[in-house]
Amino acid sequence: MPKNNKILVIGGGPGGYTAAFRASELGAEVTLVDKDKSLGGACLNYGCIPSKTLLHAAKIIFEAKVAESFGIKLSGPVIDLNGLRQFKEKTIAKLNNGLAFVCRQKKVIYINGEARFTGSNSVTVSSDGKLQDLSFDKAIIAAGSKPIPFPGVDFGGNVWDSALALNIEEAPNDLLIIGGGYIGLELGTVYAALGSKVTLVEMAEEIIPGVDEDLTKILKKRLKNLFAQIFVNAKISGIDKNTDKVTVTITDKDGNQAKKEFDKVLASIGRMPEAKNLGLEKTKVTLSEKGFIKINERLQTSDSSIYAVGDITGNPLLAHKASMQGKIAAEVICGLDSKFSPKSIPGCIYTDPEIAVCGLSESEAKLKGIEVKVLSLPWIASGKATTLDRTDGLTKILVNSYTKKIVGAGIVGVGASELIYGINMAVENSLTIGQYQKYIHPHPTLSETLLDTAWMFKDGD
């Protein structure tokens, strides 16, 4: 164990608590500071966990509606928003308590407060109106990110950010979602299941910019039946929230404008780093043009005493990326030869159907000049998908035309998020398509769509 064994972690989300726990396991003296009273960060308290809880409820509602196709007649579901909200809060509390237990078990000192650097090896922590000075050998910043507000419009009242939307205080009759990315689509799915008429506006040419269109078009087809309206290649050019309803102006790509009224508006146009109030000007830490902390593959910042992990270091803003970075930062500080250099970080969208991707997309391969063979298999050929009456899926694998290595994959369909890890391991380990074809997948499962897709690559390709 190096002499630098007094570690401060700022931020109690997946990156922060993983870093703290791993450093403690390796013998360090660890203090964890977070502005929330409960550990878990945005992911657990206002993001991943509550949204997935509500998405599961939405899935149950949808399945109840289609049960008749299986010969099962159910009366229409009665939705108790108070009961749903209580279940969500209970789920969060269970996980909060679990993290608090592990924190005590690993002897990590937890301080509920806001830390601000006063130098490269010191901070002042504000907690319950009191100030406390702390010194450390090394620090790990895991302060996360927050929603970007719509220009000129503050969150609150009838304009929501994702955290406000997750409160589920009501199911508005008419809900506008600005932004067709992960968060907007997931919360739109929840509120549509709860009975809201959902309108979506996305500036890009398609929903989920960056994901191949053959995947998104399957989701979009289902969303057209679920949402009231979907506008792409359009923007919100004005918001007036001075009345009980919100009046917005939607402008299409040709400049045509239409004014519409909504009970609530969810602005989901991206997230920004929580770096402004950390006192980084008192350190040697440097930021990118967009305000993210610059790091190397060992998670070191430009200040030798300070490391950074998770959302605050830039895209992709994913909890599982943050967790791995937290583990590696702790190991590097404690003298282990670790580094963060993954070939692929899987991304998942928990809509219905789900979308999951890893490695290169087809569009990314074209931009990078990498010639790939695209293998694509609709789920109409899947026995398991047919038994579920959910053949609205597709599995695709990208193979480097010269090396024959698997360089990317995408799945749209039920349970895609649970399937992607298998093909992601192939990308991460640089497996050739021939090597992957030798792995036996169980039948009947949705996972065998990956093998069936791989078998589409022939020796002569």
Protein backbone atom coordinates (compact mmCIF):
# COMPACT_ATOMS: atom_id res chain seq x y z
CA MET A 1 0.00 0.00 0.00
CA PRO A 2 1.49 3.39 -1.00
CA LYS A 3 1.90 6.18 1.56
CA ASN A 4 -0.96 8.07 -0.14
CA ASN A 5 -3.64 6.21 1.77
CA LYS A 6 -5.93 9.05 2.86
CA ILE A 7 -8.53 9.30 0.10
CA LEU A 8 -11.42 11.72 -0.28
CA VAL A 9 -14.28 10.84 -2.63
CA ILE A 10 -16.67 13.60 -3.71
CA GLY A 11 -20.01 12.20 -4.89
CA GLY A 12 -22.00 9.20 -3.68
CA GLY A 13 -23.27 7.82 -6.98
CA PRO A 14 -22.16 4.60 -8.70
CA GLY A 15 -18.71 5.99 -9.49
CA GLY A 16 -18.20 7.49 -6.04
CA TYR A 17 -19.40 4.70 -3.79
CA THR A 18 -17.67 2.05 -5.91
CA ALA A 19 -14.41 4.01 -5.65
CA ALA A 20 -14.83 4.44 -1.90
CA PHE A 21 -15.63 0.78 -1.25
CA ARG A 22 -12.77 -0.49 -3.44
CA ALA A 23 -10.24 1.87 -1.87
CA SER A 24 -11.32 0.77 1.60
CA GLU A 25 -10.93 -2.90 0.57
CA LEU A 26 -7.37 -2.08 -0.46
CA GLY A 27 -6.56 -0.62 2.95
CA ALA A 28 -7.04 3.09 2.41
CA GLU A 29 -8.60 5.51 4.88
CA VAL A 30 -11.63 6.77 2.95
CA THR A 31 -13.97 9.71 3.46
CA LEU A 32 -16.99 10.00 1.17
CA VAL A 33 -18.80 13.36 0.84
CA ASP A 34 -22.14 13.73 -0.92
CA LYS A 35 -24.75 16.50 -0.95
CA ASP A 36 -27.62 13.98 -0.66
CA LYS A 37 -28.55 12.47 2.69
CA SER A 38 -28.79 9.03 1.08
CA LEU A 39 -26.09 7.37 -1.00
CA GLY A 40 -26.74 6.42 -4.60
CA GLY A 41 -26.44 9.67 -6.52
CA ALA A 42 -28.70 10.66 -9.39
CA CYS A 43 -28.80 7.06 -10.68
CA LEU A 44 -30.44 5.61 -7.60
CA ASN A 45 -32.36 8.61 -6.29
CA TYR A 46 -33.56 10.45 -9.42
CA GLY A 47 -32.63 8.36 -12.44
CA CYS A 48 -31.93 4.74 -13.34
CA ILE A 49 -33.61 2.96 -10.45
CA PRO A 50 -36.87 4.94 -10.15
CA SER A 51 -37.28 5.10 -13.93
CA LYS A 52 -36.78 1.35 -14.34
CA THR A 53 -39.23 0.71 -11.50
CA LEU A 54 -41.84 2.80 -13.30
CA LEU A 55 -41.00 1.25 -16.67
CA HIS A 56 -41.66 -2.17 -15.18
CA ALA A 57 -45.06 -0.92 -14.03
CA ALA A 58 -45.69 0.36 -17.57
CA LYS A 59 -44.77 -3.06 -18.94
CA ILE A 60 -47.33 -4.72 -16.68
CA ILE A 61 -50.00 -2.28 -17.88
CA PHE A 62 -49.17 -2.96 -21.54
CA GLU A 63 -49.12 -6.73 -21.03
CA ALA A 64 -52.50 -6.62 -19.31
CA LYS A 65 -53.91 -4.90 -22.38
CA VAL A 66 -52.61 -7.52 -24.83
CA ALA A 67 -53.35 -10.56 -22.66
CA GLU A 68 -56.53 -11.21 -24.63
CA SER A 69 -54.45 -12.36 -27.61
CA PHE A 70 -53.33 -15.24 -25.36
CA GLY A 71 -56.92 -16.10 -24.47
CA ILE A 72 -56.70 -14.31 -21.13
CA LYS A 73 -59.40 -11.69 -20.52
CA LEU A 74 -58.58 -9.12 -17.88
CA SER A 75 -60.54 -6.08 -16.81
CA GLY A 76 -58.83 -2.77 -17.47
CA PRO A 77 -56.04 -1.99 -14.96
CA VAL A 78 -56.87 0.51 -12.22
CA ILE A 79 -53.81 2.71 -11.63
CA ASP A 80 -53.21 3.96 -8.09
CA LEU A 81 -50.57 6.69 -8.46
CA ASN A 82 -50.04 6.89 -4.70
CA GLY A 83 -49.40 3.16 -4.53
CA LEU A 84 -47.06 3.31 -7.51
CA ARG A 85 -45.15 6.22 -6.03
CA GLN A 86 -44.87 4.45 -2.66
CA PHE A 87 -43.50 1.32 -4.32
CA LYS A 88 -40.93 3.42 -6.19
CA GLU A 89 -39.87 5.18 -2.97
CA LYS A 90 -39.69 1.86 -1.12
CA THR A 91 -37.43 0.45 -3.85
CA ILE A 92 -35.11 3.45 -3.60
CA ALA A 93 -35.04 3.25 0.21
CA LYS A 94 -34.10 -0.45 0.17
CA LEU A 95 -31.10 0.27 -2.03
CA ASN A 96 -30.18 3.41 -0.04
CA ASN A 97 -30.15 1.33 3.14
CA GLY A 98 -28.08 -1.36 1.47
CA LEU A 99 -25.42 1.15 0.44
CA ALA A 100 -25.39 2.70 3.91
CA PHE A 101 -24.83 -0.77 5.40
CA VAL A 102 -21.92 -1.50 3.07
CA CYS A 103 -20.46 1.94 3.83
CA ARG A 104 -20.44 1.15 7.55
CA GLN A 105 -19.19 -2.39 6.96
CA LYS A 106 -16.22 -1.15 4.95
CA LYS A 107 -15.52 1.61 7.49
CA VAL A 108 -15.94 4.40 4.97
CA ILE A 109 -16.55 7.75 6.72
CA TYR A 110 -19.64 9.36 5.18
CA ILE A 111 -20.32 13.10 5.40
CA ASN A 112 -23.55 14.58 4.08
CA GLY A 113 -22.42 17.94 2.73
CA GLU A 114 -20.95 19.88 -0.19
CA ALA A 115 -17.19 19.81 -0.72
CA ARG A 116 -15.26 22.67 -2.28
CA PHE A 117 -11.54 22.50 -3.00
CA THR A 118 -9.32 25.02 -1.22
CA GLY A 119 -6.17 23.51 -2.71
CA SER A 120 -4.89 20.36 -4.41
CA ASN A 121 -4.95 18.47 -1.10
CA SER A 122 -7.71 20.14 0.89
CA VAL A 123 -11.43 20.91 0.83
CA THR A 124 -13.98 22.73 2.92
CA VAL A 125 -17.17 20.78 3.49
CA SER A 126 -20.40 22.66 4.19
CA SER A 127 -22.80 20.50 6.19
CA ASP A 128 -25.92 21.67 8.03
CA GLY A 129 -24.65 25.24 8.02
CA LYS A 130 -21.27 24.25 9.49
CA LEU A 131 -17.90 24.30 7.74
CA GLN A 132 -15.31 21.56 8.12
CA ASP A 133 -11.79 21.55 6.65
CA LEU A 134 -10.46 18.23 5.40
CA SER A 135 -7.06 17.28 4.01
CA PHE A 136 -6.27 14.24 1.87
CA ASP A 137 -3.50 12.59 -0.08
CA LYS A 138 -5.63 11.85 -3.12
CA ALA A 139 -9.16 12.82 -4.15
CA ILE A 140 -11.61 11.23 -6.55
CA ILE A 141 -14.23 13.55 -8.02
CA ALA A 142 -17.48 11.71 -8.85
CA ALA A 143 -19.87 14.65 -8.68
CA GLY A 144 -21.97 13.53 -11.65
CA SER A 145 -24.17 15.59 -13.94
CA LYS A 146 -27.52 17.40 -13.97
CA PRO A 147 -30.24 18.10 -16.57
CA ILE A 148 -29.66 20.97 -19.00
CA PRO A 149 -32.53 23.47 -18.71
CA PHE A 150 -34.36 24.66 -21.80
CA PRO A 151 -32.87 28.07 -22.69
CA GLY A 152 -34.59 30.84 -20.77
CA VAL A 153 -36.93 28.50 -18.87
CA ASP A 154 -36.37 27.36 -15.28
CA PHE A 155 -37.42 23.91 -14.10
CA GLY A 156 -40.40 23.85 -11.78
CA GLY A 157 -44.17 24.17 -11.89
CA ASN A 158 -45.41 22.83 -15.21
CA VAL A 159 -41.94 22.49 -16.75
CA TRP A 160 -40.22 19.33 -15.56
CA ASP A 161 -36.73 17.93 -15.57
CA SER A 162 -36.35 14.16 -15.30
CA ALA A 163 -36.26 14.23 -11.48
CA LEU A 164 -39.55 16.12 -11.26
CA ALA A 165 -41.13 13.78 -13.81
CA LEU A 166 -40.11 10.78 -11.70
CA ASN A 167 -42.10 12.11 -8.73
CA ILE A 168 -45.28 10.80 -10.44
CA GLU A 169 -47.46 13.34 -8.67
CA GLU A 170 -49.95 13.25 -11.54
CA ALA A 171 -50.50 11.88 -15.03
CA PRO A 172 -51.14 15.03 -17.08
CA ASN A 173 -53.69 14.84 -19.88
CA ASP A 174 -51.28 16.38 -22.38
CA LEU A 175 -47.52 16.00 -21.93
CA LEU A 176 -44.84 17.41 -24.22
CA ILE A 177 -41.40 15.83 -24.19
CA ILE A 178 -38.57 17.89 -25.66
CA GLY A 179 -35.82 15.51 -26.74
CA GLY A 180 -35.99 12.06 -28.26
CA GLY A 181 -33.05 10.52 -26.44
CA TYR A 182 -32.86 7.82 -23.78
CA ILE A 183 -34.50 9.73 -20.94
CA GLY A 184 -37.27 11.39 -22.94
CA LEU A 185 -38.37 8.15 -24.58
CA GLU A 186 -38.30 6.17 -21.35
CA LEU A 187 -40.35 8.70 -19.38
CA GLY A 188 -42.67 9.16 -22.34
CA THR A 189 -43.31 5.41 -22.24
CA VAL A 190 -44.14 5.60 -18.53
CA TYR A 191 -46.61 8.48 -18.86
CA ALA A 192 -48.26 7.02 -21.95
CA ALA A 193 -48.91 3.86 -19.94
CA LEU A 194 -50.42 6.00 -17.18
CA GLY A 195 -52.85 7.53 -19.66
CA SER A 196 -51.18 10.77 -20.76
CA LYS A 197 -51.32 11.93 -24.36
CA VAL A 198 -47.61 12.24 -25.10
CA THR A 199 -46.16 14.47 -27.81
CA LEU A 200 -42.44 14.19 -28.59
CA VAL A 201 -40.27 16.76 -30.37
CA GLU A 202 -36.73 15.88 -31.50
CA MET A 203 -34.35 18.22 -33.36
CA ALA A 204 -32.45 15.45 -35.16
CA GLU A 205 -33.71 13.59 -38.20
CA GLU A 206 -34.60 10.56 -36.07
CA ILE A 207 -35.17 9.62 -32.45
CA ILE A 208 -32.14 8.46 -30.43
CA PRO A 209 -29.48 10.26 -32.49
CA GLY A 210 -26.40 8.10 -32.98
CA VAL A 211 -28.26 4.79 -33.02
CA ASP A 212 -28.69 3.10 -36.41
CA GLU A 213 -32.04 3.74 -38.08
CA ASP A 214 -32.84 0.06 -38.66
CA LEU A 215 -33.01 -0.29 -34.86
CA THR A 216 -34.85 2.94 -34.07
CA LYS A 217 -37.49 2.53 -36.77
CA ILE A 218 -38.83 -0.61 -35.05
CA LEU A 219 -39.19 1.29 -31.78
CA LYS A 220 -40.65 4.31 -33.56
CA LYS A 221 -43.31 2.15 -35.20
CA ARG A 222 -44.51 1.03 -31.77
CA LEU A 223 -44.23 4.52 -30.30
CA LYS A 224 -46.49 5.90 -33.03
CA ASN A 225 -49.26 3.77 -31.54
CA LEU A 226 -48.29 4.75 -28.01
CA PHE A 227 -47.63 8.50 -28.34
CA ALA A 228 -50.12 11.04 -29.62
CA GLN A 229 -47.58 12.68 -31.97
CA ILE A 230 -43.88 12.43 -32.80
CA PHE A 231 -42.09 15.34 -34.46
CA VAL A 232 -38.53 14.87 -35.78
CA ASN A 233 -36.42 17.46 -37.55
CA ALA A 234 -38.30 19.99 -35.46
CA LYS A 235 -37.56 22.33 -32.59
CA ILE A 236 -39.28 24.26 -29.83
CA SER A 237 -38.82 27.93 -30.69
CA GLY A 238 -40.79 29.32 -27.79
CA ILE A 239 -42.23 28.38 -24.38
CA ASP A 240 -44.76 30.44 -22.42
CA LYS A 241 -45.49 29.05 -18.95
CA ASN A 242 -47.36 32.04 -17.57
CA THR A 243 -50.76 30.31 -17.51
CA ASP A 244 -52.14 27.06 -16.12
CA LYS A 245 -51.05 25.42 -19.34
CA VAL A 246 -47.75 25.73 -21.22
CA THR A 247 -47.95 27.23 -24.69
CA VAL A 248 -45.14 26.14 -27.01
CA THR A 249 -44.23 26.98 -30.57
CA ILE A 250 -43.08 24.01 -32.67
CA THR A 251 -41.06 24.85 -35.78
CA ASP A 252 -40.47 22.18 -38.44
CA LYS A 253 -37.48 21.88 -40.80
CA ASP A 254 -39.21 24.10 -43.40
CA GLY A 255 -39.80 26.88 -40.90
CA ASN A 256 -43.51 26.24 -40.49
CA GLN A 257 -44.73 27.04 -36.99
CA ALA A 258 -47.58 25.74 -34.87
CA LYS A 259 -48.62 26.72 -31.36
CA LYS A 260 -49.82 24.01 -29.01
CA GLU A 261 -50.87 23.86 -25.35
CA PHE A 262 -49.78 21.24 -22.84
CA ASP A 263 -50.46 20.58 -19.18
CA LYS A 264 -46.81 19.70 -18.54
CA VAL A 265 -43.53 19.89 -20.45
CA LEU A 266 -40.57 17.59 -19.81
CA ALA A 267 -37.31 19.12 -21.09
CA SER A 268 -34.91 16.26 -21.75
CA ILE A 269 -32.25 17.86 -23.94
CA GLY A 270 -29.13 16.45 -22.31
CA ARG A 271 -27.08 16.66 -19.14
CA MET A 272 -24.23 18.91 -18.02
CA PRO A 273 -21.35 18.26 -15.57
CA GLU A 274 -21.69 19.28 -11.92
CA ALA A 275 -18.28 20.98 -11.94
CA LYS A 276 -19.00 24.67 -11.31
CA ASN A 277 -19.21 24.72 -7.52
CA LEU A 278 -16.31 22.41 -6.69
CA GLY A 279 -13.64 25.11 -6.37
CA LEU A 280 -11.58 23.55 -9.15
CA GLU A 281 -9.95 26.92 -9.78
CA LYS A 282 -8.00 26.27 -6.57
CA THR A 283 -6.49 23.16 -8.16
CA LYS A 284 -4.63 22.29 -11.36
CA VAL A 285 -7.61 20.37 -12.78
CA THR A 286 -8.44 21.37 -16.37
CA LEU A 287 -11.79 21.20 -18.15
CA SER A 288 -12.90 20.55 -21.71
CA GLU A 289 -14.77 23.16 -23.74
CA LYS A 290 -18.05 21.64 -22.53
CA GLY A 291 -16.99 21.78 -18.89
CA PHE A 292 -16.10 18.11 -18.34
CA ILE A 293 -12.97 17.19 -16.38
CA LYS A 294 -10.07 16.02 -18.53
CA ILE A 295 -8.60 12.66 -17.51
CA ASN A 296 -6.22 10.00 -18.85
CA GLU A 297 -6.77 6.23 -18.98
CA ARG A 298 -5.68 5.94 -15.35
CA LEU A 299 -8.45 8.44 -14.44
CA GLN A 300 -5.87 11.05 -13.41
CA THR A 301 -6.66 14.72 -13.95
CA SER A 302 -3.99 17.32 -14.73
CA ASP A 303 -3.59 17.70 -10.96
CA SER A 304 -1.46 14.81 -9.65
CA SER A 305 -3.48 14.63 -6.43
CA ILE A 306 -6.90 14.48 -8.04
CA TYR A 307 -8.72 11.82 -10.07
CA ALA A 308 -12.17 11.95 -11.66
CA VAL A 309 -14.74 9.36 -12.70
CA GLY A 310 -18.25 9.09 -14.12
CA ASP A 311 -20.47 11.67 -15.79
CA ILE A 312 -18.22 14.58 -14.84
CA THR A 313 -15.56 13.17 -17.20
CA GLY A 314 -17.82 13.20 -20.28
CA ASN A 315 -19.69 10.80 -22.53
CA PRO A 316 -21.05 8.24 -22.32
CA LEU A 317 -22.99 9.32 -19.24
CA LEU A 318 -23.72 5.82 -17.94
CA ALA A 319 -23.76 4.41 -14.43
CA HIS A 320 -21.90 1.23 -15.39
CA LYS A 321 -19.09 3.26 -16.94
CA ALA A 322 -18.85 5.29 -13.74
CA SER A 323 -18.70 2.17 -11.56
CA MET A 324 -15.83 0.67 -13.52
CA GLN A 325 -13.96 3.97 -13.52
CA GLY A 326 -14.46 4.28 -9.76
CA LYS A 327 -13.00 0.84 -9.18
CA ILE A 328 -10.01 1.55 -11.40
CA ALA A 329 -9.30 5.00 -9.90
CA ALA A 330 -9.19 3.45 -6.42
CA GLU A 331 -6.86 0.72 -7.62
CA VAL A 332 -4.51 3.15 -9.34
CA ILE A 333 -4.28 5.31 -6.22
CA CYS A 334 -3.61 2.21 -4.11
CA GLY A 335 -0.72 1.12 -6.32
CA LEU A 336 -2.31 -1.43 -8.66
CA ASP A 337 -1.54 -1.43 -12.38
CA SER A 338 -5.06 -0.67 -13.61
CA LYS A 339 -6.35 1.46 -16.45
CA PHE A 340 -9.65 2.31 -18.11
CA SER A 341 -9.45 1.52 -21.82
CA PRO A 342 -12.53 -0.50 -22.84
CA LYS A 343 -13.12 -1.31 -26.49
CA SER A 344 -16.86 -1.17 -25.93
CA ILE A 345 -19.29 0.24 -23.36
CA PRO A 346 -22.82 -1.08 -23.90
CA GLY A 347 -25.72 1.36 -23.95
CA CYS A 348 -29.35 0.46 -23.27
CA ILE A 349 -32.67 2.22 -23.80
CA TYR A 350 -35.41 0.72 -21.61
CA THR A 351 -38.37 1.52 -23.82
CA ASP A 352 -40.75 -1.09 -25.20
CA PRO A 353 -39.18 -2.63 -27.20
CA GLU A 354 -35.76 -2.03 -25.67
CA ILE A 355 -32.71 -1.05 -27.69
CA ALA A 356 -29.18 -2.09 -26.72
CA VAL A 357 -25.95 -1.38 -28.56
CA CYS A 358 -22.23 -1.97 -28.14
CA GLY A 359 -19.05 -1.26 -30.06
CA LEU A 360 -19.30 0.49 -33.41
CA SER A 361 -22.61 1.38 -35.02
CA GLU A 362 -22.98 1.03 -38.77
CA SER A 363 -22.91 4.83 -39.17
CA GLU A 364 -19.78 5.13 -36.99
CA ALA A 365 -18.00 2.48 -39.05
CA LYS A 366 -18.74 4.46 -42.23
CA LEU A 367 -17.47 7.70 -40.69
CA LYS A 368 -14.24 5.99 -39.60
CA GLY A 369 -13.75 4.34 -42.99
CA ILE A 370 -13.98 0.83 -41.53
CA GLU A 371 -15.44 -1.66 -44.00
CA VAL A 372 -17.86 -3.98 -42.23
CA LYS A 373 -20.13 -6.87 -43.08
CA VAL A 374 -23.55 -6.23 -41.55
CA LEU A 375 -25.44 -9.30 -40.37
CA SER A 376 -29.09 -8.64 -39.58
CA LEU A 377 -31.84 -11.00 -38.43
CA PRO A 378 -35.50 -9.99 -37.81
CA TRP A 379 -37.09 -11.73 -34.84
CA ILE A 380 -39.87 -13.15 -36.99
CA ALA A 381 -37.53 -16.15 -37.21
CA SER A 382 -37.19 -16.49 -33.42
CA GLY A 383 -39.14 -19.26 -31.74
CA LYS A 384 -38.95 -17.60 -28.31
CA ALA A 385 -40.07 -14.22 -29.67
CA THR A 386 -43.02 -15.95 -31.35
CA THR A 387 -44.07 -17.60 -28.07
CA LEU A 388 -44.08 -14.13 -26.49
CA ASP A 389 -46.01 -12.67 -29.42
CA ARG A 390 -43.19 -10.12 -29.65
CA THR A 391 -41.52 -10.63 -33.01
CA ASP A 392 -41.02 -6.85 -33.32
CA GLY A 393 -37.28 -7.23 -32.85
CA LEU A 394 -34.01 -7.28 -34.75
CA THR A 395 -30.48 -8.46 -33.99
CA LYS A 396 -27.51 -7.14 -35.94
CA ILE A 397 -23.79 -7.83 -35.75
CA LEU A 398 -21.01 -5.87 -37.45
CA VAL A 399 -17.92 -7.79 -38.60
CA ASN A 400 -14.72 -6.18 -39.82
CA SER A 401 -14.48 -7.26 -43.48
CA TYR A 402 -10.72 -7.80 -43.29
CA THR A 403 -9.96 -9.08 -39.78
CA LYS A 404 -13.31 -10.94 -39.39
CA LYS A 405 -13.49 -9.59 -35.83
CA ILE A 406 -16.83 -8.58 -34.30
CA VAL A 407 -16.65 -4.80 -33.89
CA GLY A 408 -20.20 -3.90 -32.91
CA ALA A 409 -23.76 -5.04 -32.40
CA GLY A 410 -27.26 -3.74 -31.89
CA ILE A 411 -30.46 -5.33 -30.62
CA VAL A 412 -33.99 -4.00 -30.59
CA GLY A 413 -36.62 -6.12 -28.90
CA VAL A 414 -37.95 -7.40 -25.60
CA GLY A 415 -35.11 -7.87 -23.11
CA ALA A 416 -32.43 -6.38 -25.36
CA SER A 417 -30.67 -4.89 -22.34
CA GLU A 418 -30.18 -8.38 -20.87
CA LEU A 419 -28.85 -9.81 -24.15
CA ILE A 420 -26.22 -7.26 -25.12
CA TYR A 421 -23.58 -8.29 -22.57
CA GLY A 422 -22.83 -11.56 -24.41
CA ILE A 423 -21.96 -9.93 -27.72
CA ASN A 424 -20.25 -7.06 -25.89
CA MET A 425 -17.81 -9.60 -24.43
CA ALA A 426 -17.04 -10.70 -27.98
CA VAL A 427 -16.27 -7.10 -28.99
CA GLU A 428 -14.21 -6.46 -25.86
CA ASN A 429 -12.15 -9.62 -26.38
CA SER A 430 -11.73 -9.08 -30.15
CA LEU A 431 -13.37 -12.39 -31.04
CA THR A 432 -13.68 -13.28 -34.70
CA ILE A 433 -17.09 -14.19 -36.04
CA GLY A 434 -15.85 -17.75 -36.50
CA GLN A 435 -14.94 -18.02 -32.81
CA TYR A 436 -18.33 -16.68 -31.74
CA GLN A 437 -20.14 -19.13 -34.00
CA LYS A 438 -18.76 -21.99 -31.90
CA TYR A 439 -20.50 -20.87 -28.70
CA ILE A 440 -23.67 -22.88 -28.08
CA HIS A 441 -26.66 -20.74 -27.07
CA PRO A 442 -29.66 -22.29 -25.27
CA HIS A 443 -32.94 -22.93 -27.10
CA PRO A 444 -35.55 -21.53 -27.08
CA THR A 445 -34.22 -18.15 -25.94
CA LEU A 446 -33.93 -14.67 -27.31
CA SER A 447 -30.15 -14.92 -26.85
CA GLU A 448 -29.95 -17.46 -29.66
CA THR A 449 -30.88 -14.69 -32.10
CA LEU A 450 -27.27 -13.60 -31.61
CA LEU A 451 -25.97 -17.00 -32.68
CA ASP A 452 -28.43 -17.25 -35.56
CA THR A 453 -27.29 -13.83 -36.73
CA ALA A 454 -23.63 -14.85 -36.44
CA TRP A 455 -24.30 -17.96 -38.54
CA MET A 456 -25.34 -15.69 -41.40
CA PHE A 457 -21.63 -15.00 -41.94
CA LYS A 458 -20.32 -17.63 -44.35
CA ASP A 459 -16.75 -18.80 -44.94
CA GLY A 460 -16.62 -17.00 -48.26
CA ASP A 461 -17.71 -13.61 -46.87
